Amino acid sequence: MKLLEQTTRMANESEQERLQLRSGDLVLRTRRVHYDDDRPLMYEEATLAIARFPGLELTGSENYRITDLARRHGVPLGQASERASVVGAAPEVARLLNVEPGAPILNLDRVVRTANGQPIEWRIGFVQSRESSGFESLESTQE
């Protein structure tokens, strides 16, 4: 996993809605790429609700895993919900995943909650499809 960027800012409207935050609440925004050997597999943009992690000290370069971070800060994890869809790779995402712009990729939109139901992390991931990476694609149907 390679950390691309990490910033602390006030939550925007989308982050406030998805993480049930108030105007002025701080979030940690992280952009990173996950690899399979040397091949980029997934690009993700994650937003962490800072106030829900007691004693969290930010260095500006913490490449965290949500399970490890929750354990270190005594935050019991509950359920996560994730929506999957297939999208065309935007130019920046295509560059990071080493695929053609517009190539079909899997979009994963996930919210992780604490055991008492508070959302603590919102992550949007973009994963290469079988056609662009050699990995098997996930297929879903809606009725």
Protein backbone atom coordinates (compact mmCIF):
# COMPACT_ATOMS: atom_id res chain seq x y z
CA MET A 1 0.00 0.00 0.00
CA LYS A 2 1.42 3.39 -1.01
CA LEU A 3 0.31 6.60 0.67
CA LEU A 4 -0.20 9.37 -1.90
CA GLU A 5 -1.61 12.18 0.22
CA GLN A 6 -3.00 12.80 3.66
CA THR A 7 -4.61 16.00 4.90
CA THR A 8 -6.64 17.16 7.87
CA ARG A 9 -9.53 19.48 7.00
CA MET A 10 -13.04 20.42 7.98
CA ALA A 11 -15.59 17.93 6.69
CA ASN A 12 -17.35 18.92 3.48
CA GLU A 13 -21.11 18.40 3.04
CA SER A 14 -20.77 14.88 1.62
CA GLU A 15 -18.47 13.82 4.46
CA GLN A 16 -20.80 15.38 7.04
CA GLU A 17 -23.70 13.42 5.59
CA ARG A 18 -21.94 10.05 5.20
CA LEU A 19 -20.12 10.23 8.57
CA GLN A 20 -22.92 12.00 10.48
CA LEU A 21 -20.68 14.95 11.37
CA ARG A 22 -21.42 18.58 12.15
CA SER A 23 -20.18 21.61 10.29
CA GLY A 24 -16.66 22.37 11.51
CA ASP A 25 -15.79 18.77 12.47
CA LEU A 26 -12.34 17.68 11.32
CA VAL A 27 -11.63 14.70 9.11
CA LEU A 28 -8.47 12.98 7.94
CA ARG A 29 -8.51 12.51 4.17
CA THR A 30 -6.21 9.83 2.80
CA ARG A 31 -5.43 8.86 -0.78
CA ARG A 32 -3.51 5.64 -1.43
CA VAL A 33 -2.91 2.83 -3.90
CA HIS A 34 -2.96 -0.87 -2.98
CA TYR A 35 -0.72 -3.21 -4.97
CA ASP A 36 -0.63 -6.89 -5.85
CA ASP A 37 3.11 -7.47 -6.14
CA ASP A 38 4.14 -4.44 -8.25
CA ARG A 39 0.82 -4.06 -10.06
CA PRO A 40 -1.66 -1.40 -8.87
CA LEU A 41 -4.89 -3.11 -7.83
CA MET A 42 -6.99 -0.46 -6.06
CA TYR A 43 -6.95 3.31 -5.65
CA GLU A 44 -8.85 4.60 -2.63
CA GLU A 45 -9.93 7.85 -1.06
CA ALA A 46 -10.74 7.42 2.64
CA THR A 47 -12.18 9.93 5.10
CA LEU A 48 -11.79 9.33 8.82
CA ALA A 49 -13.93 11.02 11.52
CA ILE A 50 -11.09 12.26 13.77
CA ALA A 51 -13.17 13.03 16.87
CA ARG A 52 -14.26 9.39 17.14
CA PHE A 53 -10.69 8.23 17.87
CA PRO A 54 -9.73 9.26 21.43
CA GLY A 55 -6.11 10.35 21.68
CA LEU A 56 -5.46 10.23 17.94
CA GLU A 57 -2.27 12.12 17.15
CA LEU A 58 -1.83 12.85 13.48
CA THR A 59 1.60 12.89 11.93
CA GLY A 60 0.34 13.71 8.44
CA SER A 61 1.79 10.49 7.08
CA GLU A 62 0.08 7.66 8.95
CA ASN A 63 -0.75 4.93 6.46
CA TYR A 64 -3.35 3.31 8.69
CA ARG A 65 -5.58 0.28 8.41
CA ILE A 66 -8.96 0.97 10.00
CA THR A 67 -8.91 -2.25 12.05
CA ASP A 68 -5.48 -1.49 13.53
CA LEU A 69 -6.35 2.15 14.20
CA ALA A 70 -9.60 1.21 15.95
CA ARG A 71 -7.82 -1.36 18.12
CA ARG A 72 -5.08 1.12 19.15
CA HIS A 73 -7.65 3.73 20.17
CA GLY A 74 -10.14 1.45 21.87
CA VAL A 75 -12.86 1.92 19.26
CA PRO A 76 -14.95 -1.28 18.95
CA LEU A 77 -15.83 -1.88 15.32
CA GLY A 78 -19.32 -2.85 14.25
CA GLN A 79 -20.71 -3.37 10.78
CA ALA A 80 -19.65 -1.95 7.44
CA SER A 81 -21.87 -1.40 4.46
CA GLU A 82 -20.58 -1.30 0.91
CA ARG A 83 -22.13 -0.56 -2.46
CA ALA A 84 -20.48 -1.83 -5.64
CA SER A 85 -20.91 -0.57 -9.18
CA VAL A 86 -18.96 -0.60 -12.43
CA VAL A 87 -17.77 2.78 -13.71
CA GLY A 88 -15.45 4.09 -16.39
CA ALA A 89 -12.01 5.03 -15.04
CA ALA A 90 -11.61 8.80 -14.68
CA PRO A 91 -8.29 10.05 -16.12
CA GLU A 92 -6.50 10.40 -12.73
CA VAL A 93 -7.77 7.02 -11.50
CA ALA A 94 -6.77 5.41 -14.82
CA ARG A 95 -3.26 6.84 -14.48
CA LEU A 96 -2.90 5.52 -10.91
CA LEU A 97 -4.21 2.05 -11.85
CA ASN A 98 -2.27 1.96 -15.12
CA VAL A 99 -5.37 1.41 -17.26
CA GLU A 100 -6.89 3.33 -20.15
CA PRO A 101 -9.21 6.25 -19.29
CA GLY A 102 -12.78 5.01 -19.48
CA ALA A 103 -11.79 1.36 -18.85
CA PRO A 104 -14.39 -0.49 -16.76
CA ILE A 105 -13.41 -0.59 -13.09
CA LEU A 106 -15.23 -1.57 -9.92
CA ASN A 107 -16.31 1.31 -7.66
CA LEU A 108 -16.65 0.35 -3.97
CA ASP A 109 -18.37 2.85 -1.66
CA ARG A 110 -18.00 1.72 1.97
CA VAL A 111 -18.87 3.12 5.41
CA VAL A 112 -17.40 1.47 8.52
CA ARG A 113 -19.28 1.90 11.81
CA THR A 114 -18.48 1.45 15.47
CA ALA A 115 -20.23 -1.22 17.54
CA ASN A 116 -22.77 1.43 18.61
CA GLY A 117 -23.50 2.42 14.99
CA GLN A 118 -21.47 5.64 14.60
CA PRO A 119 -19.84 5.94 11.17
CA ILE A 120 -16.06 6.36 11.52
CA GLU A 121 -14.66 5.90 8.02
CA TRP A 122 -16.00 6.48 4.52
CA ARG A 123 -13.96 4.94 1.74
CA ILE A 124 -14.40 5.07 -2.01
CA GLY A 125 -12.26 2.51 -3.82
CA PHE A 126 -11.62 1.93 -7.50
CA VAL A 127 -10.53 -1.62 -8.42
CA GLN A 128 -9.29 -2.88 -11.76
CA SER A 129 -11.57 -5.24 -13.64
CA ARG A 130 -10.44 -8.52 -15.16
CA GLU A 131 -10.22 -6.95 -18.62
CA SER A 132 -7.71 -4.33 -17.46
CA SER A 133 -5.70 -6.25 -14.85
CA GLY A 134 -6.03 -9.99 -15.21
CA PHE A 135 -8.05 -10.28 -11.99
CA GLU A 136 -11.48 -11.85 -12.06
CA SER A 137 -14.26 -9.28 -12.05
CA LEU A 138 -17.19 -9.23 -9.69
CA GLU A 139 -20.58 -9.27 -11.32
CA SER A 140 -23.85 -8.27 -9.75
CA THR A 141 -27.37 -7.98 -11.05
CA GLN A 142 -30.24 -5.84 -9.92
CA GLU A 143 -33.80 -7.02 -10.19
